[in-house]
Amino acid sequence: MRSFSHAEDEYTSPAECTQGANALLQTFLKLDRLYAVYAAKGDRFMGVAGRH
C-alpha cells in the first residue's frame, strides 16, 4: 500500500473544511449541554465508558 503526502487527490475545499469544523463545534456544544445537565443534578459526568 502506497501513501501520498499532500496529494492533489486529497484536496479539501475551504467549504468542506468549514463543514468539518462546524460538525466538531456542534459535537462539543452538545457535550457541553449534556455535561451541564449532569452537573445541575449533582451527578458525576458519565465518562468515556458511560460508567458512574
Protein backbone atom coordinates (compact mmCIF):
# COMPACT_ATOMS: atom_id res chain seq x y z
CA MET A 1 0.00 0.00 0.00
CA ARG A 2 1.41 3.35 -1.01
CA SER A 3 0.59 6.55 0.74
CA PHE A 4 0.96 10.05 -0.58
CA SER A 5 1.70 13.18 1.34
CA HIS A 6 -0.05 16.33 0.15
CA ALA A 7 -1.55 14.62 -2.89
CA GLU A 8 -3.84 16.69 -5.10
CA ASP A 9 -6.34 13.80 -4.94
CA GLU A 10 -6.79 14.54 -1.25
CA TYR A 11 -7.66 18.21 -1.72
CA THR A 12 -10.23 19.56 0.73
CA SER A 13 -12.05 22.70 -0.26
CA PRO A 14 -12.48 25.58 2.19
CA ALA A 15 -16.22 24.80 2.26
CA GLU A 16 -15.51 21.17 3.25
CA CYS A 17 -13.13 22.35 5.98
CA THR A 18 -15.86 24.67 7.27
CA GLN A 19 -18.37 21.80 7.31
CA GLY A 20 -15.95 19.63 9.27
CA ALA A 21 -15.21 22.39 11.76
CA ASN A 22 -18.94 23.02 12.22
CA ALA A 23 -19.56 19.31 12.85
CA LEU A 24 -16.88 19.33 15.56
CA LEU A 25 -18.27 22.53 17.07
CA GLN A 26 -21.80 21.10 17.24
CA THR A 27 -20.45 17.95 18.89
CA PHE A 28 -18.62 19.94 21.56
CA LEU A 29 -21.65 22.15 22.18
CA LYS A 30 -23.88 19.10 22.59
CA LEU A 31 -21.41 17.51 25.01
CA ASP A 32 -21.25 20.78 26.95
CA ARG A 33 -25.04 20.83 27.29
CA LEU A 34 -25.02 17.19 28.39
CA TYR A 35 -22.36 17.91 30.98
CA ALA A 36 -24.39 20.88 32.27
CA VAL A 37 -27.41 18.60 32.83
CA TYR A 38 -25.33 16.16 34.88
CA ALA A 39 -23.67 19.00 36.82
CA ALA A 40 -27.05 20.57 37.62
CA LYS A 41 -28.21 17.25 39.07
CA GLY A 42 -25.05 17.00 41.16
CA ASP A 43 -24.25 13.80 39.29
CA ARG A 44 -20.82 12.86 38.04
CA PHE A 45 -20.35 13.02 34.30
CA MET A 46 -20.72 9.66 32.55
CA GLY A 47 -17.11 9.48 31.44
CA VAL A 48 -15.64 7.68 28.47
CA ALA A 49 -17.17 4.25 29.07
CA GLY A 50 -20.52 5.50 30.37
CA ARG A 51 -19.72 4.41 33.93
CA HIS A 52 -20.57 6.39 37.07
